[in-house]
Amino acid sequence: MDKVQIQWGDLERTEAIEKDVWEKSKKILEFAPSATVLNVNLKVINSVKSAGVATQGVLMELRLPNRQDIRTEKEGDDLYRLIKDAQAAILTQIKSKKDRKLI
C-alpha cells in the first residue's frame, strides 16, 4: 500500500508488527478512501535497559483533503494493543467527521 508509511524510530522492525500495521491500515483506508497518506510512527519511549517499565508509543496521522487531518497517539507496554487502540481512535474520528459531513 503506497498510502501507508511506517517509521520505526528506535524500535526493531519485525515482519509480525509490520503485518499488523498493514492489516489495521487497510480498514482505516477503506473508511477514508479520500485519504492521501497514513503515517504510522512506532517508537520506544522507555527501553527495557532503563529504569521502570518498558514503554512504547504509536502515533498515527491520517492525511485528508482540505486540512481535515486526523491524529492519535497511544503509549503503553503492549505494542499490538497500542496499534489496535490507535486504529480504533482513528476510525472513531473518521466516523465523527463523516457524521458531520466534513469528509
PDB file of N, CA and C in Angstrom:
ATOM      1  N   MET A   1       0.854  -1.193   0.000  1.00  0.00           N
ATOM      2  CA  MET A   1       0.000   0.000   0.000  1.00  0.00           C
ATOM      3  C   MET A   1       0.885   1.238   0.000  1.00  0.00           C
ATOM      4  N   ASP A   2       0.794   1.977  -1.052  1.00  0.00           N
ATOM      5  CA  ASP A   2       1.652   3.151  -1.156  1.00  0.00           C
ATOM      6  C   ASP A   2       1.132   4.334  -0.340  1.00  0.00           C
ATOM      7  N   LYS A   3      -0.054   4.227   0.232  1.00  0.00           N
ATOM      8  CA  LYS A   3      -0.592   5.305   1.065  1.00  0.00           C
ATOM      9  C   LYS A   3      -0.152   5.187   2.519  1.00  0.00           C
ATOM     10  N   VAL A   4       0.508   4.095   2.874  1.00  0.00           N
ATOM     11  CA  VAL A   4       0.903   3.866   4.264  1.00  0.00           C
ATOM     12  C   VAL A   4       2.416   4.010   4.405  1.00  0.00           C
ATOM     13  N   GLN A   5       2.818   4.814   5.371  1.00  0.00           N
ATOM     14  CA  GLN A   5       4.240   4.983   5.660  1.00  0.00           C
ATOM     15  C   GLN A   5       4.478   4.625   7.118  1.00  0.00           C
ATOM     16  N   ILE A   6       5.418   3.706   7.332  1.00  0.00           N
ATOM     17  CA  ILE A   6       5.750   3.287   8.701  1.00  0.00           C
ATOM     18  C   ILE A   6       7.133   3.822   9.051  1.00  0.00           C
ATOM     19  N   GLN A   7       7.211   4.562  10.140  1.00  0.00           N
ATOM     20  CA  GLN A   7       8.503   4.991  10.673  1.00  0.00           C
ATOM     21  C   GLN A   7       8.760   4.156  11.928  1.00  0.00           C
ATOM     22  N   TRP A   8       9.933   3.539  11.961  1.00  0.00           N
ATOM     23  CA  TRP A   8      10.239   2.602  13.037  1.00  0.00           C
ATOM     24  C   TRP A   8      10.919   3.250  14.229  1.00  0.00           C
ATOM     25  N   GLY A   9      11.326   4.492  14.120  1.00  0.00           N
ATOM     26  CA  GLY A   9      12.006   5.135  15.237  1.00  0.00           C
ATOM     27  C   GLY A   9      13.155   4.270  15.709  1.00  0.00           C
ATOM     28  N   ASP A  10      13.258   4.046  16.990  1.00  0.00           N
ATOM     29  CA  ASP A  10      14.323   3.196  17.523  1.00  0.00           C
ATOM     30  C   ASP A  10      13.783   1.807  17.886  1.00  0.00           C
ATOM     31  N   LEU A  11      12.659   1.453  17.297  1.00  0.00           N
ATOM     32  CA  LEU A  11      12.053   0.146  17.525  1.00  0.00           C
ATOM     33  C   LEU A  11      12.565  -0.841  16.481  1.00  0.00           C
ATOM     34  N   GLU A  12      12.845  -2.060  16.898  1.00  0.00           N
ATOM     35  CA  GLU A  12      13.326  -3.072  15.959  1.00  0.00           C
ATOM     36  C   GLU A  12      12.205  -3.472  15.015  1.00  0.00           C
ATOM     37  N   ARG A  13      12.490  -3.448  13.730  1.00  0.00           N
ATOM     38  CA  ARG A  13      11.494  -3.783  12.718  1.00  0.00           C
ATOM     39  C   ARG A  13      11.300  -5.298  12.674  1.00  0.00           C
ATOM     40  N   THR A  14      10.034  -5.734  12.756  1.00  0.00           N
ATOM     41  CA  THR A  14       9.730  -7.153  12.625  1.00  0.00           C
ATOM     42  C   THR A  14       8.599  -7.321  11.610  1.00  0.00           C
ATOM     43  N   GLU A  15       8.587  -8.477  10.981  1.00  0.00           N
ATOM     44  CA  GLU A  15       7.561  -8.772   9.984  1.00  0.00           C
ATOM     45  C   GLU A  15       6.176  -8.832  10.632  1.00  0.00           C
ATOM     46  N   ALA A  16       6.092  -9.381  11.843  1.00  0.00           N
ATOM     47  CA  ALA A  16       4.805  -9.517  12.533  1.00  0.00           C
ATOM     48  C   ALA A  16       4.190  -8.149  12.833  1.00  0.00           C
ATOM     49  N   ILE A  17       5.004  -7.228  13.326  1.00  0.00           N
ATOM     50  CA  ILE A  17       4.492  -5.880  13.623  1.00  0.00           C
ATOM     51  C   ILE A  17       4.092  -5.182  12.328  1.00  0.00           C
ATOM     52  N   GLU A  18       4.929  -5.299  11.312  1.00  0.00           N
ATOM     53  CA  GLU A  18       4.637  -4.661  10.038  1.00  0.00           C
ATOM     54  C   GLU A  18       3.319  -5.198   9.457  1.00  0.00           C
ATOM     55  N   LYS A  19       3.113  -6.501   9.528  1.00  0.00           N
ATOM     56  CA  LYS A  19       1.886  -7.117   9.016  1.00  0.00           C
ATOM     57  C   LYS A  19       0.678  -6.593   9.789  1.00  0.00           C
ATOM     58  N   ASP A  20       0.807  -6.472  11.100  1.00  0.00           N
ATOM     59  CA  ASP A  20      -0.289  -5.968  11.932  1.00  0.00           C
ATOM     60  C   ASP A  20      -0.649  -4.529  11.537  1.00  0.00           C
ATOM     61  N   VAL A  21       0.360  -3.704  11.329  1.00  0.00           N
ATOM     62  CA  VAL A  21       0.121  -2.316  10.922  1.00  0.00           C
ATOM     63  C   VAL A  21      -0.588  -2.274   9.564  1.00  0.00           C
ATOM     64  N   TRP A  22      -0.133  -3.097   8.606  1.00  0.00           N
ATOM     65  CA  TRP A  22      -0.765  -3.121   7.278  1.00  0.00           C
ATOM     66  C   TRP A  22      -2.233  -3.518   7.384  1.00  0.00           C
ATOM     67  N   GLU A  23      -2.519  -4.540   8.202  1.00  0.00           N
ATOM     68  CA  GLU A  23      -3.905  -5.001   8.350  1.00  0.00           C
ATOM     69  C   GLU A  23      -4.801  -3.915   8.937  1.00  0.00           C
ATOM     70  N   LYS A  24      -4.308  -3.238   9.965  1.00  0.00           N
ATOM     71  CA  LYS A  24      -5.091  -2.166  10.588  1.00  0.00           C
ATOM     72  C   LYS A  24      -5.244  -0.989   9.623  1.00  0.00           C
ATOM     73  N   SER A  25      -4.221  -0.735   8.833  1.00  0.00           N
ATOM     74  CA  SER A  25      -4.245   0.377   7.876  1.00  0.00           C
ATOM     75  C   SER A  25      -5.293   0.167   6.794  1.00  0.00           C
ATOM     76  N   LYS A  26      -5.445  -1.080   6.351  1.00  0.00           N
ATOM     77  CA  LYS A  26      -6.430  -1.381   5.297  1.00  0.00           C
ATOM     78  C   LYS A  26      -7.819  -0.919   5.702  1.00  0.00           C
ATOM     79  N   LYS A  27      -8.207  -1.234   6.929  1.00  0.00           N
ATOM     80  CA  LYS A  27      -9.548  -0.870   7.402  1.00  0.00           C
ATOM     81  C   LYS A  27      -9.700   0.648   7.480  1.00  0.00           C
ATOM     82  N   ILE A  28      -8.668   1.328   7.960  1.00  0.00           N
ATOM     83  CA  ILE A  28      -8.716   2.793   8.039  1.00  0.00           C
ATOM     84  C   ILE A  28      -8.914   3.387   6.650  1.00  0.00           C
ATOM     85  N   LEU A  29      -8.144   2.896   5.680  1.00  0.00           N
ATOM     86  CA  LEU A  29      -8.218   3.447   4.329  1.00  0.00           C
ATOM     87  C   LEU A  29      -9.532   3.085   3.628  1.00  0.00           C
ATOM     88  N   GLU A  30     -10.143   1.966   4.006  1.00  0.00           N
ATOM     89  CA  GLU A  30     -11.471   1.629   3.470  1.00  0.00           C
ATOM     90  C   GLU A  30     -12.503   2.659   3.917  1.00  0.00           C
ATOM     91  N   PHE A  31     -12.401   3.092   5.168  1.00  0.00           N
ATOM     92  CA  PHE A  31     -13.357   4.054   5.720  1.00  0.00           C
ATOM     93  C   PHE A  31     -13.064   5.484   5.268  1.00  0.00           C
ATOM     94  N   ALA A  32     -11.846   5.740   4.836  1.00  0.00           N
ATOM     95  CA  ALA A  32     -11.462   7.082   4.381  1.00  0.00           C
ATOM     96  C   ALA A  32     -10.733   6.985   3.047  1.00  0.00           C
ATOM     97  N   PRO A  33     -11.461   6.640   1.964  1.00  0.00           N
ATOM     98  CA  PRO A  33     -10.812   6.452   0.661  1.00  0.00           C
ATOM     99  C   PRO A  33     -10.182   7.726   0.089  1.00  0.00           C
ATOM    100  N   SER A  34     -10.600   8.881   0.584  1.00  0.00           N
ATOM    101  CA  SER A  34     -10.026  10.135   0.078  1.00  0.00           C
ATOM    102  C   SER A  34      -8.689  10.466   0.742  1.00  0.00           C
ATOM    103  N   ALA A  35      -8.279   9.673   1.720  1.00  0.00           N
ATOM    104  CA  ALA A  35      -7.018   9.922   2.418  1.00  0.00           C
ATOM    105  C   ALA A  35      -5.844   9.866   1.441  1.00  0.00           C
ATOM    106  N   THR A  36      -4.876  10.742   1.659  1.00  0.00           N
ATOM    107  CA  THR A  36      -3.696  10.748   0.803  1.00  0.00           C
ATOM    108  C   THR A  36      -2.569   9.911   1.380  1.00  0.00           C
ATOM    109  N   VAL A  37      -2.469   9.864   2.717  1.00  0.00           N
ATOM    110  CA  VAL A  37      -1.407   9.064   3.347  1.00  0.00           C
ATOM    111  C   VAL A  37      -1.772   8.785   4.809  1.00  0.00           C
ATOM    112  N   LEU A  38      -1.318   7.634   5.284  1.00  0.00           N
ATOM    113  CA  LEU A  38      -1.424   7.289   6.700  1.00  0.00           C
ATOM    114  C   LEU A  38      -0.003   7.087   7.212  1.00  0.00           C
ATOM    115  N   ASN A  39       0.422   7.987   8.104  1.00  0.00           N
ATOM    116  CA  ASN A  39       1.738   7.862   8.721  1.00  0.00           C
ATOM    117  C   ASN A  39       1.590   7.125  10.042  1.00  0.00           C
ATOM    118  N   VAL A  40       2.406   6.087  10.228  1.00  0.00           N
ATOM    119  CA  VAL A  40       2.403   5.317  11.472  1.00  0.00           C
ATOM    120  C   VAL A  40       3.819   5.383  12.032  1.00  0.00           C
ATOM    121  N   ASN A  41       3.945   6.017  13.182  1.00  0.00           N
ATOM    122  CA  ASN A  41       5.253   6.193  13.807  1.00  0.00           C
ATOM    123  C   ASN A  41       5.301   5.324  15.062  1.00  0.00           C
ATOM    124  N   LEU A  42       6.219   4.359  15.061  1.00  0.00           N
ATOM    125  CA  LEU A  42       6.402   3.457  16.197  1.00  0.00           C
ATOM    126  C   LEU A  42       7.678   3.853  16.920  1.00  0.00           C
ATOM    127  N   LYS A  43       7.638   3.878  18.254  1.00  0.00           N
ATOM    128  CA  LYS A  43       8.847   4.301  18.969  1.00  0.00           C
ATOM    129  C   LYS A  43       8.933   3.670  20.353  1.00  0.00           C
ATOM    130  N   VAL A  44      10.151   3.661  20.861  1.00  0.00           N
ATOM    131  CA  VAL A  44      10.395   3.230  22.230  1.00  0.00           C
ATOM    132  C   VAL A  44      10.502   4.497  23.068  1.00  0.00           C
ATOM    133  N   ILE A  45       9.675   4.596  24.100  1.00  0.00           N
ATOM    134  CA  ILE A  45       9.707   5.771  24.969  1.00  0.00           C
ATOM    135  C   ILE A  45      10.632   5.513  26.147  1.00  0.00           C
ATOM    136  N   ASN A  46      10.529   4.328  26.718  1.00  0.00           N
ATOM    137  CA  ASN A  46      11.362   3.947  27.847  1.00  0.00           C
ATOM    138  C   ASN A  46      11.811   2.508  27.597  1.00  0.00           C
ATOM    139  N   SER A  47      13.070   2.316  27.281  1.00  0.00           N
ATOM    140  CA  SER A  47      13.546   0.987  26.913  1.00  0.00           C
ATOM    141  C   SER A  47      13.667   0.067  28.122  1.00  0.00           C
ATOM    142  N   VAL A  48      13.794  -1.212  27.852  1.00  0.00           N
ATOM    143  CA  VAL A  48      13.941  -2.222  28.906  1.00  0.00           C
ATOM    144  C   VAL A  48      15.218  -1.975  29.705  1.00  0.00           C
ATOM    145  N   LYS A  49      16.224  -1.412  29.035  1.00  0.00           N
ATOM    146  CA  LYS A  49      17.518  -1.186  29.682  1.00  0.00           C
ATOM    147  C   LYS A  49      17.457  -0.089  30.740  1.00  0.00           C
ATOM    148  N   SER A  50      16.519   0.842  30.622  1.00  0.00           N
ATOM    149  CA  SER A  50      16.429   1.931  31.592  1.00  0.00           C
ATOM    150  C   SER A  50      15.561   1.498  32.776  1.00  0.00           C
ATOM    151  N   ALA A  51      15.525   2.322  33.791  1.00  0.00           N
ATOM    152  CA  ALA A  51      14.712   2.005  34.964  1.00  0.00           C
ATOM    153  C   ALA A  51      13.233   2.108  34.622  1.00  0.00           C
ATOM    154  N   GLY A  52      12.432   1.294  35.261  1.00  0.00           N
ATOM    155  CA  GLY A  52      10.990   1.360  35.039  1.00  0.00           C
ATOM    156  C   GLY A  52      10.520   0.364  33.998  1.00  0.00           C
ATOM    157  N   VAL A  53       9.268   0.479  33.648  1.00  0.00           N
ATOM    158  CA  VAL A  53       8.631  -0.433  32.705  1.00  0.00           C
ATOM    159  C   VAL A  53       8.949  -0.004  31.273  1.00  0.00           C
ATOM    160  N   ALA A  54       9.227  -0.980  30.418  1.00  0.00           N
ATOM    161  CA  ALA A  54       9.451  -0.681  29.004  1.00  0.00           C
ATOM    162  C   ALA A  54       8.167  -0.091  28.425  1.00  0.00           C
ATOM    163  N   THR A  55       8.281   1.062  27.794  1.00  0.00           N
ATOM    164  CA  THR A  55       7.115   1.746  27.246  1.00  0.00           C
ATOM    165  C   THR A  55       7.347   2.049  25.773  1.00  0.00           C
ATOM    166  N   GLN A  56       6.300   1.821  24.980  1.00  0.00           N
ATOM    167  CA  GLN A  56       6.370   2.109  23.549  1.00  0.00           C
ATOM    168  C   GLN A  56       5.271   3.087  23.196  1.00  0.00           C
ATOM    169  N   GLY A  57       5.390   3.669  22.006  1.00  0.00           N
ATOM    170  CA  GLY A  57       4.380   4.614  21.558  1.00  0.00           C
ATOM    171  C   GLY A  57       4.019   4.395  20.104  1.00  0.00           C
ATOM    172  N   VAL A  58       2.773   4.711  19.778  1.00  0.00           N
ATOM    173  CA  VAL A  58       2.287   4.652  18.407  1.00  0.00           C
ATOM    174  C   VAL A  58       1.612   5.982  18.110  1.00  0.00           C
ATOM    175  N   LEU A  59       2.063   6.620  17.053  1.00  0.00           N
ATOM    176  CA  LEU A  59       1.445   7.856  16.582  1.00  0.00           C
ATOM    177  C   LEU A  59       0.916   7.581  15.185  1.00  0.00           C
ATOM    178  N   MET A  60      -0.392   7.803  14.975  1.00  0.00           N
ATOM    179  CA  MET A  60      -0.980   7.646  13.640  1.00  0.00           C
ATOM    180  C   MET A  60      -1.523   8.994  13.197  1.00  0.00           C
ATOM    181  N   GLU A  61      -1.177   9.353  11.966  1.00  0.00           N
ATOM    182  CA  GLU A  61      -1.694  10.579  11.364  1.00  0.00           C
ATOM    183  C   GLU A  61      -2.282  10.232   9.999  1.00  0.00           C
ATOM    184  N   LEU A  62      -3.543  10.525   9.824  1.00  0.00           N
ATOM    185  CA  LEU A  62      -4.226  10.282   8.559  1.00  0.00           C
ATOM    186  C   LEU A  62      -4.395  11.619   7.848  1.00  0.00           C
ATOM    187  N   ARG A  63      -3.777  11.738   6.693  1.00  0.00           N
ATOM    188  CA  ARG A  63      -3.861  12.973   5.914  1.00  0.00           C
ATOM    189  C   ARG A  63      -5.086  12.920   5.013  1.00  0.00           C
ATOM    190  N   LEU A  64      -5.934  13.931   5.153  1.00  0.00           N
ATOM    191  CA  LEU A  64      -7.164  14.017   4.375  1.00  0.00           C
ATOM    192  C   LEU A  64      -7.189  15.336   3.605  1.00  0.00           C
ATOM    193  N   PRO A  65      -7.983  15.409   2.534  1.00  0.00           N
ATOM    194  CA  PRO A  65      -8.093  16.658   1.774  1.00  0.00           C
ATOM    195  C   PRO A  65      -8.638  17.802   2.639  1.00  0.00           C
ATOM    196  N   ASN A  66      -8.375  19.007   2.230  1.00  0.00           N
ATOM    197  CA  ASN A  66      -8.891  20.218   2.887  1.00  0.00           C
ATOM    198  C   ASN A  66      -8.481  20.335   4.352  1.00  0.00           C
ATOM    199  N   ARG A  67      -7.285  19.887   4.651  1.00  0.00           N
ATOM    200  CA  ARG A  67      -6.725  20.009   6.005  1.00  0.00           C
ATOM    201  C   ARG A  67      -7.605  19.403   7.096  1.00  0.00           C
ATOM    202  N   GLN A  68      -8.223  18.291   6.767  1.00  0.00           N
ATOM    203  CA  GLN A  68      -9.084  17.589   7.722  1.00  0.00           C
ATOM    204  C   GLN A  68      -8.321  16.440   8.395  1.00  0.00           C
ATOM    205  N   ASP A  69      -7.020  16.600   8.582  1.00  0.00           N
ATOM    206  CA  ASP A  69      -6.169  15.525   9.097  1.00  0.00           C
ATOM    207  C   ASP A  69      -6.641  15.026  10.466  1.00  0.00           C
ATOM    208  N   ILE A  70      -6.390  13.749  10.707  1.00  0.00           N
ATOM    209  CA  ILE A  70      -6.758  13.089  11.960  1.00  0.00           C
ATOM    210  C   ILE A  70      -5.481  12.524  12.572  1.00  0.00           C
ATOM    211  N   ARG A  71      -5.375  12.639  13.887  1.00  0.00           N
ATOM    212  CA  ARG A  71      -4.152  12.219  14.565  1.00  0.00           C
ATOM    213  C   ARG A  71      -4.500  11.578  15.904  1.00  0.00           C
ATOM    214  N   THR A  72      -3.758  10.553  16.270  1.00  0.00           N
ATOM    215  CA  THR A  72      -3.904   9.956  17.595  1.00  0.00           C
ATOM    216  C   THR A  72      -2.549   9.433  18.055  1.00  0.00           C
ATOM    217  N   GLU A  73      -2.349   9.436  19.356  1.00  0.00           N
ATOM    218  CA  GLU A  73      -1.097   8.942  19.926  1.00  0.00           C
ATOM    219  C   GLU A  73      -1.422   8.078  21.131  1.00  0.00           C
ATOM    220  N   LYS A  74      -0.795   6.905  21.185  1.00  0.00           N
ATOM    221  CA  LYS A  74      -1.021   5.956  22.280  1.00  0.00           C
ATOM    222  C   LYS A  74       0.323   5.531  22.858  1.00  0.00           C
ATOM    223  N   GLU A  75       0.362   5.318  24.176  1.00  0.00           N
ATOM    224  CA  GLU A  75       1.577   4.856  24.851  1.00  0.00           C
ATOM    225  C   GLU A  75       1.222   3.704  25.780  1.00  0.00           C
ATOM    226  N   GLY A  76       2.146   2.744  25.900  1.00  0.00           N
ATOM    227  CA  GLY A  76       1.932   1.622  26.801  1.00  0.00           C
ATOM    228  C   GLY A  76       3.003   0.568  26.645  1.00  0.00           C
ATOM    229  N   ASP A  77       2.740  -0.623  27.182  1.00  0.00           N
ATOM    230  CA  ASP A  77       3.762  -1.672  27.158  1.00  0.00           C
ATOM    231  C   ASP A  77       3.442  -2.806  26.188  1.00  0.00           C
ATOM    232  N   ASP A  78       2.284  -2.752  25.482  1.00  0.00           N
ATOM    233  CA  ASP A  78       1.904  -3.785  24.522  1.00  0.00           C
ATOM    234  C   ASP A  78       1.710  -3.134  23.157  1.00  0.00           C
ATOM    235  N   LEU A  79       2.695  -3.280  22.299  1.00  0.00           N
ATOM    236  CA  LEU A  79       2.681  -2.587  21.011  1.00  0.00           C
ATOM    237  C   LEU A  79       1.480  -2.969  20.153  1.00  0.00           C
ATOM    238  N   TYR A  80       1.120  -4.249  20.135  1.00  0.00           N
ATOM    239  CA  TYR A  80      -0.023  -4.686  19.332  1.00  0.00           C
ATOM    240  C   TYR A  80      -1.320  -4.041  19.828  1.00  0.00           C
ATOM    241  N   ARG A  81      -1.462  -3.945  21.127  1.00  0.00           N
ATOM    242  CA  ARG A  81      -2.639  -3.293  21.733  1.00  0.00           C
ATOM    243  C   ARG A  81      -2.654  -1.805  21.353  1.00  0.00           C
ATOM    244  N   LEU A  82      -1.490  -1.181  21.379  1.00  0.00           N
ATOM    245  CA  LEU A  82      -1.406   0.243  21.032  1.00  0.00           C
ATOM    246  C   LEU A  82      -1.812   0.482  19.580  1.00  0.00           C
ATOM    247  N   ILE A  83      -1.373  -0.403  18.686  1.00  0.00           N
ATOM    248  CA  ILE A  83      -1.720  -0.277  17.262  1.00  0.00           C
ATOM    249  C   ILE A  83      -3.236  -0.431  17.104  1.00  0.00           C
ATOM    250  N   LYS A  84      -3.812  -1.404  17.796  1.00  0.00           N
ATOM    251  CA  LYS A  84      -5.265  -1.628  17.734  1.00  0.00           C
ATOM    252  C   LYS A  84      -6.023  -0.422  18.297  1.00  0.00           C
ATOM    253  N   ASP A  85      -5.574   0.096  19.433  1.00  0.00           N
ATOM    254  CA  ASP A  85      -6.231   1.247  20.050  1.00  0.00           C
ATOM    255  C   ASP A  85      -6.120   2.497  19.170  1.00  0.00           C
ATOM    256  N   ALA A  86      -4.969   2.682  18.543  1.00  0.00           N
ATOM    257  CA  ALA A  86      -4.779   3.830  17.649  1.00  0.00           C
ATOM    258  C   ALA A  86      -5.712   3.706  16.441  1.00  0.00           C
ATOM    259  N   GLN A  87      -5.831   2.489  15.900  1.00  0.00           N
ATOM    260  CA  GLN A  87      -6.745   2.266  14.782  1.00  0.00           C
ATOM    261  C   GLN A  87      -8.175   2.613  15.197  1.00  0.00           C
ATOM    262  N   ALA A  88      -8.598   2.155  16.365  1.00  0.00           N
ATOM    263  CA  ALA A  88      -9.959   2.420  16.844  1.00  0.00           C
ATOM    264  C   ALA A  88     -10.196   3.924  17.007  1.00  0.00           C
ATOM    265  N   ALA A  89      -9.203   4.633  17.531  1.00  0.00           N
ATOM    266  CA  ALA A  89      -9.338   6.080  17.719  1.00  0.00           C
ATOM    267  C   ALA A  89      -9.456   6.806  16.381  1.00  0.00           C
ATOM    268  N   ILE A  90      -8.665   6.387  15.402  1.00  0.00           N
ATOM    269  CA  ILE A  90      -8.730   6.994  14.063  1.00  0.00           C
ATOM    270  C   ILE A  90     -10.105   6.713  13.432  1.00  0.00           C
ATOM    271  N   LEU A  91     -10.579   5.480  13.539  1.00  0.00           N
ATOM    272  CA  LEU A  91     -11.883   5.130  12.958  1.00  0.00           C
ATOM    273  C   LEU A  91     -13.017   5.924  13.617  1.00  0.00           C
ATOM    274  N   THR A  92     -12.933   6.139  14.925  1.00  0.00           N
ATOM    275  CA  THR A  92     -13.940   6.936  15.628  1.00  0.00           C
ATOM    276  C   THR A  92     -13.939   8.374  15.106  1.00  0.00           C
ATOM    277  N   GLN A  93     -12.751   8.923  14.897  1.00  0.00           N
ATOM    278  CA  GLN A  93     -12.657  10.301  14.387  1.00  0.00           C
ATOM    279  C   GLN A  93     -13.169  10.398  12.941  1.00  0.00           C
ATOM    280  N   ILE A  94     -12.882   9.371  12.136  1.00  0.00           N
ATOM    281  CA  ILE A  94     -13.383   9.362  10.754  1.00  0.00           C
ATOM    282  C   ILE A  94     -14.916   9.351  10.778  1.00  0.00           C
ATOM    283  N   LYS A  95     -15.504   8.485  11.625  1.00  0.00           N
ATOM    284  CA  LYS A  95     -16.955   8.395  11.718  1.00  0.00           C
ATOM    285  C   LYS A  95     -17.549   9.732  12.149  1.00  0.00           C
ATOM    286  N   SER A  96     -16.916  10.374  13.109  1.00  0.00           N
ATOM    287  CA  SER A  96     -17.401  11.668  13.581  1.00  0.00           C
ATOM    288  C   SER A  96     -17.391  12.704  12.456  1.00  0.00           C
ATOM    289  N   LYS A  97     -16.312  12.724  11.682  1.00  0.00           N
ATOM    290  CA  LYS A  97     -16.227  13.669  10.565  1.00  0.00           C
ATOM    291  C   LYS A  97     -17.274  13.344   9.490  1.00  0.00           C
ATOM    292  N   LYS A  98     -17.481  12.058   9.224  1.00  0.00           N
ATOM    293  CA  LYS A  98     -18.487  11.674   8.240  1.00  0.00           C
ATOM    294  C   LYS A  98     -19.875  12.061   8.710  1.00  0.00           C
ATOM    295  N   ASP A  99     -20.166  11.848  10.004  1.00  0.00           N
ATOM    296  CA  ASP A  99     -21.480  12.215  10.555  1.00  0.00           C
ATOM    297  C   ASP A  99     -21.730  13.713  10.426  1.00  0.00           C
ATOM    298  N   ARG A 100     -20.678  14.488  10.542  1.00  0.00           N
ATOM    299  CA  ARG A 100     -20.813  15.953  10.420  1.00  0.00           C
ATOM    300  C   ARG A 100     -20.590  16.403   8.971  1.00  0.00           C
ATOM    301  N   LYS A 101     -20.455  15.424   8.070  1.00  0.00           N
ATOM    302  CA  LYS A 101     -20.288  15.668   6.639  1.00  0.00           C
ATOM    303  C   LYS A 101     -19.051  16.519   6.318  1.00  0.00           C
ATOM    304  N   LEU A 102     -17.988  16.311   7.101  1.00  0.00           N
ATOM    305  CA  LEU A 102     -16.737  17.029   6.872  1.00  0.00           C
ATOM    306  C   LEU A 102     -15.850  16.291   5.874  1.00  0.00           C
ATOM    307  N   ILE A 103     -16.065  14.975   5.730  1.00  0.00           N
ATOM    308  CA  ILE A 103     -15.318  14.208   4.721  1.00  0.00           C
ATOM    309  C   ILE A 103     -16.263  13.326   3.947  1.00  0.00           C
TER     310      ILE A 103
END
